[in-house]
Amino acid sequence: MVGQVSDGVPETAKAVLGLIGKLPSALGGYQSTLAMVALSAQIVETLRKASDEAAEQSKMLNESAQQKIDVEALNRTTLTRVQQGMESGAAANTYRS
């Protein structure tokens, strides 16, 4: 998968470097120009895929963070309501005494 890290080297970097490594064999005449264009297109496509995957991962992380924030807000609201209930119960007990 593009973007994954193995052996400390991102797969995207390996893919791009592999494509760049083909450049010397592509040199020579108009065919080299076509080969350069094709390799450039492959490099751009590889980087685009990596960018899309990074954006998707970022979106998932943001959604996860938002859910955590929502749960924490719900916990604070619940705690506040419990405290208010305890205070009103204590006040009612004081009034009855």
N, C-alpha and C. Protein backbone atom coordinates (compact mmCIF):
# COMPACT_ATOMS: atom_id res chain seq x y z
N MET A 1 0.86 -1.18 0.00
CA MET A 1 0.00 0.00 0.00
C MET A 1 0.90 1.24 0.00
N VAL A 2 0.51 2.18 -0.82
CA VAL A 2 1.27 3.42 -0.89
C VAL A 2 1.11 4.16 0.43
N GLY A 3 2.21 4.70 0.94
CA GLY A 3 2.14 5.47 2.17
C GLY A 3 2.53 4.69 3.41
N GLN A 4 2.49 3.36 3.34
CA GLN A 4 2.86 2.56 4.50
C GLN A 4 4.38 2.58 4.68
N VAL A 5 4.81 2.40 5.90
CA VAL A 5 6.24 2.41 6.19
C VAL A 5 6.68 0.99 6.49
N SER A 6 7.74 0.55 5.79
CA SER A 6 8.35 -0.73 6.10
C SER A 6 9.85 -0.52 6.08
N ASP A 7 10.52 -1.08 7.04
CA ASP A 7 11.97 -0.91 7.16
C ASP A 7 12.35 0.56 7.30
N GLY A 8 11.47 1.36 7.84
CA GLY A 8 11.77 2.77 8.06
C GLY A 8 11.68 3.64 6.82
N VAL A 9 11.28 3.06 5.68
CA VAL A 9 11.19 3.84 4.43
C VAL A 9 9.74 3.81 3.94
N PRO A 10 9.11 4.97 3.77
CA PRO A 10 7.73 4.98 3.27
C PRO A 10 7.65 4.32 1.89
N GLU A 11 6.60 3.54 1.67
CA GLU A 11 6.41 2.86 0.39
C GLU A 11 6.32 3.87 -0.75
N THR A 12 5.74 5.04 -0.49
CA THR A 12 5.66 6.08 -1.52
C THR A 12 7.05 6.47 -1.99
N ALA A 13 7.96 6.64 -1.05
CA ALA A 13 9.33 7.02 -1.41
C ALA A 13 9.98 5.91 -2.21
N LYS A 14 9.77 4.66 -1.81
CA LYS A 14 10.33 3.53 -2.55
C LYS A 14 9.80 3.50 -3.97
N ALA A 15 8.50 3.73 -4.12
CA ALA A 15 7.89 3.69 -5.45
C ALA A 15 8.43 4.80 -6.34
N VAL A 16 8.51 6.01 -5.80
CA VAL A 16 9.01 7.14 -6.58
C VAL A 16 10.49 6.93 -6.93
N LEU A 17 11.28 6.50 -5.96
CA LEU A 17 12.70 6.27 -6.23
C LEU A 17 12.88 5.15 -7.26
N GLY A 18 12.03 4.15 -7.20
CA GLY A 18 12.10 3.08 -8.19
C GLY A 18 11.83 3.60 -9.59
N LEU A 19 10.84 4.49 -9.69
CA LEU A 19 10.53 5.08 -11.00
C LEU A 19 11.65 5.98 -11.47
N ILE A 20 12.21 6.75 -10.57
CA ILE A 20 13.32 7.65 -10.92
C ILE A 20 14.53 6.82 -11.35
N GLY A 21 14.71 5.66 -10.73
CA GLY A 21 15.82 4.79 -11.08
C GLY A 21 15.76 4.31 -12.51
N LYS A 22 14.58 4.33 -13.10
CA LYS A 22 14.42 3.91 -14.50
C LYS A 22 14.85 5.00 -15.48
N LEU A 23 15.03 6.23 -14.99
CA LEU A 23 15.32 7.35 -15.89
C LEU A 23 16.59 7.16 -16.72
N PRO A 24 17.71 6.72 -16.15
CA PRO A 24 18.92 6.59 -16.97
C PRO A 24 18.73 5.69 -18.18
N SER A 25 17.98 4.60 -18.04
CA SER A 25 17.77 3.70 -19.17
C SER A 25 16.82 4.30 -20.20
N ALA A 26 16.12 5.35 -19.83
CA ALA A 26 15.17 5.97 -20.74
C ALA A 26 15.81 7.07 -21.57
N LEU A 27 17.06 7.38 -21.32
CA LEU A 27 17.70 8.49 -22.02
C LEU A 27 18.08 8.10 -23.44
N GLY A 28 17.91 9.05 -24.38
CA GLY A 28 18.31 8.81 -25.76
C GLY A 28 17.20 9.05 -26.75
N GLY A 29 17.22 10.17 -27.45
CA GLY A 29 16.28 10.47 -28.53
C GLY A 29 14.88 10.81 -28.07
N TYR A 30 13.98 10.83 -29.07
CA TYR A 30 12.59 11.22 -28.75
C TYR A 30 11.92 10.17 -27.88
N GLN A 31 12.38 8.93 -27.99
CA GLN A 31 11.81 7.88 -27.16
C GLN A 31 12.08 8.15 -25.69
N SER A 32 13.24 8.76 -25.40
CA SER A 32 13.53 9.09 -24.01
C SER A 32 12.58 10.17 -23.51
N THR A 33 12.21 11.09 -24.38
CA THR A 33 11.26 12.14 -23.99
C THR A 33 9.92 11.50 -23.63
N LEU A 34 9.49 10.57 -24.48
CA LEU A 34 8.23 9.87 -24.19
C LEU A 34 8.34 9.06 -22.91
N ALA A 35 9.49 8.41 -22.73
CA ALA A 35 9.69 7.64 -21.51
C ALA A 35 9.70 8.54 -20.29
N MET A 36 10.34 9.71 -20.41
CA MET A 36 10.38 10.67 -19.30
C MET A 36 8.96 11.14 -18.96
N VAL A 37 8.17 11.42 -19.99
CA VAL A 37 6.79 11.85 -19.76
C VAL A 37 6.00 10.73 -19.07
N ALA A 38 6.17 9.51 -19.54
CA ALA A 38 5.46 8.38 -18.94
C ALA A 38 5.88 8.18 -17.49
N LEU A 39 7.18 8.24 -17.24
CA LEU A 39 7.66 8.08 -15.86
C LEU A 39 7.19 9.23 -14.98
N SER A 40 7.21 10.43 -15.52
CA SER A 40 6.72 11.58 -14.76
C SER A 40 5.25 11.40 -14.40
N ALA A 41 4.48 10.89 -15.35
CA ALA A 41 3.05 10.64 -15.09
C ALA A 41 2.89 9.58 -14.00
N GLN A 42 3.73 8.54 -14.03
CA GLN A 42 3.67 7.51 -13.00
C GLN A 42 4.04 8.09 -11.63
N ILE A 43 5.05 8.94 -11.61
CA ILE A 43 5.46 9.56 -10.35
C ILE A 43 4.33 10.42 -9.79
N VAL A 44 3.74 11.22 -10.66
CA VAL A 44 2.63 12.09 -10.24
C VAL A 44 1.47 11.24 -9.73
N GLU A 45 1.14 10.16 -10.43
CA GLU A 45 0.04 9.29 -10.01
C GLU A 45 0.34 8.63 -8.67
N THR A 46 1.57 8.19 -8.47
CA THR A 46 1.97 7.58 -7.20
C THR A 46 1.83 8.57 -6.06
N LEU A 47 2.29 9.80 -6.29
CA LEU A 47 2.20 10.83 -5.26
C LEU A 47 0.75 11.22 -5.01
N ARG A 48 -0.07 11.24 -6.06
CA ARG A 48 -1.50 11.58 -5.90
C ARG A 48 -2.20 10.52 -5.04
N LYS A 49 -1.89 9.24 -5.32
CA LYS A 49 -2.50 8.17 -4.52
C LYS A 49 -2.08 8.29 -3.05
N ALA A 50 -0.81 8.56 -2.84
CA ALA A 50 -0.32 8.70 -1.47
C ALA A 50 -1.00 9.88 -0.79
N SER A 51 -1.18 10.96 -1.52
CA SER A 51 -1.84 12.14 -0.97
C SER A 51 -3.30 11.83 -0.62
N ASP A 52 -3.99 11.12 -1.52
CA ASP A 52 -5.39 10.73 -1.27
C ASP A 52 -5.50 9.85 -0.03
N GLU A 53 -4.57 8.89 0.09
CA GLU A 53 -4.60 8.00 1.26
C GLU A 53 -4.30 8.76 2.54
N ALA A 54 -3.36 9.68 2.46
CA ALA A 54 -3.03 10.49 3.65
C ALA A 54 -4.23 11.34 4.04
N ALA A 55 -4.93 11.89 3.05
CA ALA A 55 -6.12 12.70 3.34
C ALA A 55 -7.21 11.85 3.99
N GLU A 56 -7.38 10.62 3.51
CA GLU A 56 -8.38 9.73 4.08
C GLU A 56 -8.02 9.37 5.52
N GLN A 57 -6.74 9.07 5.76
CA GLN A 57 -6.30 8.75 7.12
C GLN A 57 -6.49 9.95 8.04
N SER A 58 -6.19 11.13 7.53
CA SER A 58 -6.37 12.34 8.32
C SER A 58 -7.84 12.55 8.66
N LYS A 59 -8.70 12.31 7.69
CA LYS A 59 -10.14 12.44 7.92
C LYS A 59 -10.62 11.47 9.01
N MET A 60 -10.13 10.22 8.93
CA MET A 60 -10.52 9.22 9.93
C MET A 60 -10.01 9.61 11.31
N LEU A 61 -8.78 10.12 11.39
CA LEU A 61 -8.24 10.55 12.68
C LEU A 61 -9.03 11.73 13.23
N ASN A 62 -9.40 12.66 12.37
CA ASN A 62 -10.19 13.81 12.81
C ASN A 62 -11.56 13.37 13.32
N GLU A 63 -12.19 12.42 12.61
CA GLU A 63 -13.49 11.91 13.06
C GLU A 63 -13.36 11.22 14.41
N SER A 64 -12.31 10.46 14.57
CA SER A 64 -12.07 9.76 15.83
C SER A 64 -11.85 10.77 16.96
N ALA A 65 -11.07 11.79 16.68
CA ALA A 65 -10.82 12.82 17.70
C ALA A 65 -12.12 13.54 18.05
N GLN A 66 -12.96 13.81 17.04
CA GLN A 66 -14.23 14.49 17.29
C GLN A 66 -15.14 13.62 18.15
N GLN A 67 -15.16 12.32 17.88
CA GLN A 67 -15.97 11.42 18.69
C GLN A 67 -15.49 11.40 20.13
N LYS A 68 -14.18 11.43 20.33
CA LYS A 68 -13.63 11.45 21.68
C LYS A 68 -14.04 12.73 22.39
N ILE A 69 -13.97 13.86 21.67
CA ILE A 69 -14.38 15.14 22.25
C ILE A 69 -15.85 15.10 22.62
N ASP A 70 -16.70 14.51 21.72
CA ASP A 70 -18.13 14.42 21.99
C ASP A 70 -18.40 13.57 23.23
N VAL A 71 -17.68 12.48 23.39
CA VAL A 71 -17.86 11.60 24.57
C VAL A 71 -17.44 12.34 25.83
N GLU A 72 -16.32 13.07 25.76
CA GLU A 72 -15.86 13.82 26.92
C GLU A 72 -16.88 14.91 27.29
N ALA A 73 -17.46 15.56 26.31
CA ALA A 73 -18.47 16.58 26.58
C ALA A 73 -19.70 15.95 27.23
N LEU A 74 -20.10 14.78 26.72
CA LEU A 74 -21.24 14.08 27.30
C LEU A 74 -20.94 13.67 28.74
N ASN A 75 -19.73 13.20 28.99
CA ASN A 75 -19.34 12.83 30.35
C ASN A 75 -19.39 14.04 31.28
N ARG A 76 -18.90 15.18 30.81
CA ARG A 76 -18.94 16.40 31.65
C ARG A 76 -20.38 16.82 31.92
N THR A 77 -21.23 16.74 30.91
CA THR A 77 -22.64 17.11 31.08
C THR A 77 -23.32 16.18 32.08
N THR A 78 -23.05 14.88 31.93
CA THR A 78 -23.64 13.90 32.85
C THR A 78 -23.17 14.15 34.28
N LEU A 79 -21.89 14.38 34.45
CA LEU A 79 -21.33 14.65 35.77
C LEU A 79 -21.96 15.89 36.38
N THR A 80 -22.13 16.94 35.57
CA THR A 80 -22.74 18.17 36.06
C THR A 80 -24.18 17.91 36.52
N ARG A 81 -24.93 17.13 35.74
CA ARG A 81 -26.32 16.82 36.11
C ARG A 81 -26.39 15.99 37.39
N VAL A 82 -25.46 15.05 37.54
CA VAL A 82 -25.43 14.23 38.75
C VAL A 82 -25.13 15.12 39.95
N GLN A 83 -24.16 16.03 39.80
CA GLN A 83 -23.82 16.94 40.90
C GLN A 83 -25.00 17.83 41.25
N GLN A 84 -25.70 18.33 40.23
CA GLN A 84 -26.86 19.19 40.48
C GLN A 84 -27.96 18.39 41.20
N GLY A 85 -28.13 17.13 40.78
CA GLY A 85 -29.13 16.28 41.42
C GLY A 85 -28.78 16.02 42.88
N MET A 86 -27.50 15.79 43.13
CA MET A 86 -27.06 15.56 44.51
C MET A 86 -27.27 16.82 45.35
N GLU A 87 -26.96 17.99 44.77
CA GLU A 87 -27.12 19.25 45.50
C GLU A 87 -28.59 19.52 45.78
N SER A 88 -29.45 19.26 44.79
CA SER A 88 -30.87 19.51 45.04
C SER A 88 -31.43 18.50 46.04
N GLY A 89 -30.92 17.26 46.00
CA GLY A 89 -31.33 16.26 46.99
C GLY A 89 -30.88 16.66 48.38
N ALA A 90 -29.67 17.18 48.50
CA ALA A 90 -29.16 17.63 49.79
C ALA A 90 -29.98 18.81 50.29
N ALA A 91 -30.35 19.70 49.36
CA ALA A 91 -31.15 20.87 49.75
C ALA A 91 -32.53 20.42 50.23
N ALA A 92 -33.10 19.42 49.54
CA ALA A 92 -34.42 18.91 49.95
C ALA A 92 -34.33 18.25 51.31
N ASN A 93 -33.27 17.55 51.57
CA ASN A 93 -33.10 16.90 52.89
C ASN A 93 -32.94 17.95 53.97
N THR A 94 -32.23 19.03 53.68
CA THR A 94 -32.05 20.10 54.65
C THR A 94 -33.40 20.77 54.94
N TYR A 95 -34.21 20.97 53.91
CA TYR A 95 -35.51 21.60 54.06
C TYR A 95 -36.43 20.75 54.91
N ARG A 96 -36.37 19.44 54.78
CA ARG A 96 -37.23 18.54 55.53
C ARG A 96 -36.83 18.50 56.99
N SER A 97 -35.58 18.74 57.29
CA SER A 97 -35.11 18.60 58.67
C SER A 97 -35.64 19.65 59.54
